């Protein structure tokens, strides 16, 4: 006879095990799986398929907050506020570059005549 640990009183005997002994014993299944048909009969059972994982999403790229397309320094020494760099940028980004070429060509022709 067993005693209950909390009350120190003898516990009642369990009911007859006659019904339990007539049923076939089934093996224990791992946690998170369900038994398959015929598992108690010794059939070959394959392990349950693992859930399919989705590939990770690429990180979202944030747009560049810097609206200035030029680097802060050129040749490691010329800053954006340098007069030489300002003039060079104006010369390169001039709206009508062919006009300046044609004016220089005409000026060169006039000097040689």
C-alpha atoms as a PDB file:
ATOM      1  CA  UNK A   1       0.000   0.000   0.000  1.00  0.00           C
ATOM      2  CA  UNK A   2       1.413   3.394  -1.001  1.00  0.00           C
ATOM      3  CA  UNK A   3       1.066   6.603   0.990  1.00  0.00           C
ATOM      4  CA  UNK A   4       0.185  10.007  -0.356  1.00  0.00           C
ATOM      5  CA  UNK A   5       3.130  12.382   0.180  1.00  0.00           C
ATOM      6  CA  UNK A   6       1.021  15.476   0.985  1.00  0.00           C
ATOM      7  CA  UNK A   7      -1.437  13.967   3.499  1.00  0.00           C
ATOM      8  CA  UNK A   8       0.484  10.907   4.768  1.00  0.00           C
ATOM      9  CA  UNK A   9      -2.681   8.834   4.330  1.00  0.00           C
ATOM     10  CA  UNK A  10      -2.661   5.531   2.542  1.00  0.00           C
ATOM     11  CA  UNK A  11      -3.822   5.869  -1.062  1.00  0.00           C
ATOM     12  CA  UNK A  12      -6.310   3.521  -2.629  1.00  0.00           C
ATOM     13  CA  UNK A  13      -5.074   0.667  -4.731  1.00  0.00           C
ATOM     14  CA  UNK A  14      -5.415   1.168  -8.470  1.00  0.00           C
ATOM     15  CA  UNK A  15      -8.188  -0.571 -10.348  1.00  0.00           C
ATOM     16  CA  UNK A  16      -7.606  -3.966 -11.852  1.00  0.00           C
ATOM     17  CA  UNK A  17      -5.016  -4.066 -14.618  1.00  0.00           C
ATOM     18  CA  UNK A  18      -6.790  -6.897 -16.391  1.00  0.00           C
ATOM     19  CA  UNK A  19      -8.204  -4.598 -19.100  1.00  0.00           C
ATOM     20  CA  UNK A  20      -4.851  -2.918 -19.635  1.00  0.00           C
ATOM     21  CA  UNK A  21      -2.999  -6.181 -20.004  1.00  0.00           C
ATOM     22  CA  UNK A  22      -5.222  -7.412 -22.868  1.00  0.00           C
ATOM     23  CA  UNK A  23      -4.500  -4.412 -25.096  1.00  0.00           C
ATOM     24  CA  UNK A  24      -1.250  -4.565 -27.084  1.00  0.00           C
ATOM     25  CA  UNK A  25       1.487  -2.233 -25.886  1.00  0.00           C
ATOM     26  CA  UNK A  26       2.275   0.656 -28.236  1.00  0.00           C
ATOM     27  CA  UNK A  27       5.753   2.147 -28.342  1.00  0.00           C
ATOM     28  CA  UNK A  28       6.167   5.702 -27.139  1.00  0.00           C
ATOM     29  CA  UNK A  29       6.210   8.318 -29.894  1.00  0.00           C
ATOM     30  CA  UNK A  30       8.567  11.300 -29.819  1.00  0.00           C
ATOM     31  CA  UNK A  31       7.107  14.615 -28.743  1.00  0.00           C
ATOM     32  CA  UNK A  32       5.532  16.626 -31.536  1.00  0.00           C
ATOM     33  CA  UNK A  33       4.773  13.610 -33.765  1.00  0.00           C
ATOM     34  CA  UNK A  34       1.665  11.555 -34.246  1.00  0.00           C
ATOM     35  CA  UNK A  35       1.647   7.771 -34.348  1.00  0.00           C
ATOM     36  CA  UNK A  36       1.090   6.249 -37.772  1.00  0.00           C
ATOM     37  CA  UNK A  37      -1.220   3.367 -38.579  1.00  0.00           C
ATOM     38  CA  UNK A  38       0.394   0.037 -37.820  1.00  0.00           C
ATOM     39  CA  UNK A  39       2.990   1.509 -35.492  1.00  0.00           C
ATOM     40  CA  UNK A  40       2.227  -1.066 -32.809  1.00  0.00           C
ATOM     41  CA  UNK A  41       2.498  -3.941 -35.280  1.00  0.00           C
ATOM     42  CA  UNK A  42       6.188  -3.284 -35.918  1.00  0.00           C
ATOM     43  CA  UNK A  43       5.719  -1.676 -39.352  1.00  0.00           C
ATOM     44  CA  UNK A  44       8.543   0.408 -40.800  1.00  0.00           C
ATOM     45  CA  UNK A  45       7.789   4.023 -39.987  1.00  0.00           C
ATOM     46  CA  UNK A  46       9.637   6.939 -41.489  1.00  0.00           C
ATOM     47  CA  UNK A  47      10.321   9.948 -39.279  1.00  0.00           C
ATOM     48  CA  UNK A  48       7.947  12.847 -39.781  1.00  0.00           C
ATOM     49  CA  UNK A  49       9.102  15.424 -42.336  1.00  0.00           C
ATOM     50  CA  UNK A  50      10.471  18.636 -40.865  1.00  0.00           C
ATOM     51  CA  UNK A  51       8.508  21.797 -41.692  1.00  0.00           C
ATOM     52  CA  UNK A  52       9.797  23.641 -44.733  1.00  0.00           C
ATOM     53  CA  UNK A  53      11.532  26.903 -43.841  1.00  0.00           C
ATOM     54  CA  UNK A  54      11.181  29.963 -46.013  1.00  0.00           C
ATOM     55  CA  UNK A  55      14.442  31.584 -47.095  1.00  0.00           C
ATOM     56  CA  UNK A  56      15.268  34.765 -45.162  1.00  0.00           C
ATOM     57  CA  UNK A  57      14.263  38.032 -46.769  1.00  0.00           C
ATOM     58  CA  UNK A  58      17.021  40.400 -47.854  1.00  0.00           C
ATOM     59  CA  UNK A  59      17.311  43.536 -45.724  1.00  0.00           C
ATOM     60  CA  UNK A  60      15.426  46.584 -46.949  1.00  0.00           C
ATOM     61  CA  UNK A  61      17.790  49.196 -48.327  1.00  0.00           C
ATOM     62  CA  UNK A  62      17.166  52.723 -47.198  1.00  0.00           C
ATOM     63  CA  UNK A  63      17.621  55.532 -49.722  1.00  0.00           C
ATOM     64  CA  UNK A  64      20.710  57.682 -49.329  1.00  0.00           C
ATOM     65  CA  UNK A  65      19.840  60.840 -47.388  1.00  0.00           C
ATOM     66  CA  UNK A  66      22.854  62.686 -48.866  1.00  0.00           C
ATOM     67  CA  UNK A  67      21.567  64.607 -51.886  1.00  0.00           C
ATOM     68  CA  UNK A  68      25.012  65.909 -52.862  1.00  0.00           C
ATOM     69  CA  UNK A  69      26.375  63.548 -55.559  1.00  0.00           C
ATOM     70  CA  UNK A  70      29.971  64.705 -55.046  1.00  0.00           C
ATOM     71  CA  UNK A  71      32.280  63.380 -52.342  1.00  0.00           C
ATOM     72  CA  UNK A  72      33.267  65.874 -49.628  1.00  0.00           C
ATOM     73  CA  UNK A  73      36.926  65.795 -50.721  1.00  0.00           C
ATOM     74  CA  UNK A  74      38.686  65.334 -54.031  1.00  0.00           C
ATOM     75  CA  UNK A  75      42.320  64.188 -54.277  1.00  0.00           C
ATOM     76  CA  UNK A  76      42.279  63.962 -50.460  1.00  0.00           C
ATOM     77  CA  UNK A  77      42.710  67.746 -50.136  1.00  0.00           C
ATOM     78  CA  UNK A  78      40.185  69.793 -52.141  1.00  0.00           C
ATOM     79  CA  UNK A  79      36.981  70.402 -50.199  1.00  0.00           C
ATOM     80  CA  UNK A  80      33.689  71.443 -51.774  1.00  0.00           C
ATOM     81  CA  UNK A  81      34.210  75.085 -50.787  1.00  0.00           C
ATOM     82  CA  UNK A  82      37.648  75.307 -52.484  1.00  0.00           C
ATOM     83  CA  UNK A  83      37.561  77.927 -55.298  1.00  0.00           C
ATOM     84  CA  UNK A  84      39.594  75.756 -57.691  1.00  0.00           C
ATOM     85  CA  UNK A  85      37.200  72.853 -57.205  1.00  0.00           C
ATOM     86  CA  UNK A  86      34.137  75.104 -57.570  1.00  0.00           C
ATOM     87  CA  UNK A  87      35.448  76.471 -60.874  1.00  0.00           C
ATOM     88  CA  UNK A  88      36.306  72.985 -62.136  1.00  0.00           C
ATOM     89  CA  UNK A  89      32.804  71.738 -61.332  1.00  0.00           C
ATOM     90  CA  UNK A  90      31.246  74.729 -63.105  1.00  0.00           C
ATOM     91  CA  UNK A  91      33.436  74.149 -66.149  1.00  0.00           C
ATOM     92  CA  UNK A  92      32.604  70.467 -66.399  1.00  0.00           C
ATOM     93  CA  UNK A  93      28.869  70.905 -65.754  1.00  0.00           C
ATOM     94  CA  UNK A  94      28.408  73.880 -68.084  1.00  0.00           C
ATOM     95  CA  UNK A  95      25.125  73.615 -69.941  1.00  0.00           C
ATOM     96  CA  UNK A  96      26.482  74.316 -73.425  1.00  0.00           C
ATOM     97  CA  UNK A  97      29.943  72.724 -73.695  1.00  0.00           C
ATOM     98  CA  UNK A  98      29.961  72.802 -77.507  1.00  0.00           C
ATOM     99  CA  UNK A  99      29.494  76.560 -77.515  1.00  0.00           C
ATOM    100  CA  UNK A 100      32.613  77.042 -75.437  1.00  0.00           C
ATOM    101  CA  UNK A 101      34.573  74.797 -77.793  1.00  0.00           C
ATOM    102  CA  UNK A 102      33.377  76.686 -80.848  1.00  0.00           C
ATOM    103  CA  UNK A 103      34.146  80.075 -79.233  1.00  0.00           C
ATOM    104  CA  UNK A 104      37.668  78.916 -78.402  1.00  0.00           C
ATOM    105  CA  UNK A 105      38.103  77.604 -81.941  1.00  0.00           C
ATOM    106  CA  UNK A 106      37.007  80.935 -83.429  1.00  0.00           C
ATOM    107  CA  UNK A 107      39.297  82.846 -81.054  1.00  0.00           C
ATOM    108  CA  UNK A 108      42.212  80.633 -82.056  1.00  0.00           C
ATOM    109  CA  UNK A 109      41.468  81.204 -85.772  1.00  0.00           C
ATOM    110  CA  UNK A 110      41.329  84.957 -85.280  1.00  0.00           C
ATOM    111  CA  UNK A 111      44.714  84.974 -83.532  1.00  0.00           C
ATOM    112  CA  UNK A 112      46.442  83.052 -86.284  1.00  0.00           C
ATOM    113  CA  UNK A 113      45.217  85.279 -89.107  1.00  0.00           C
END
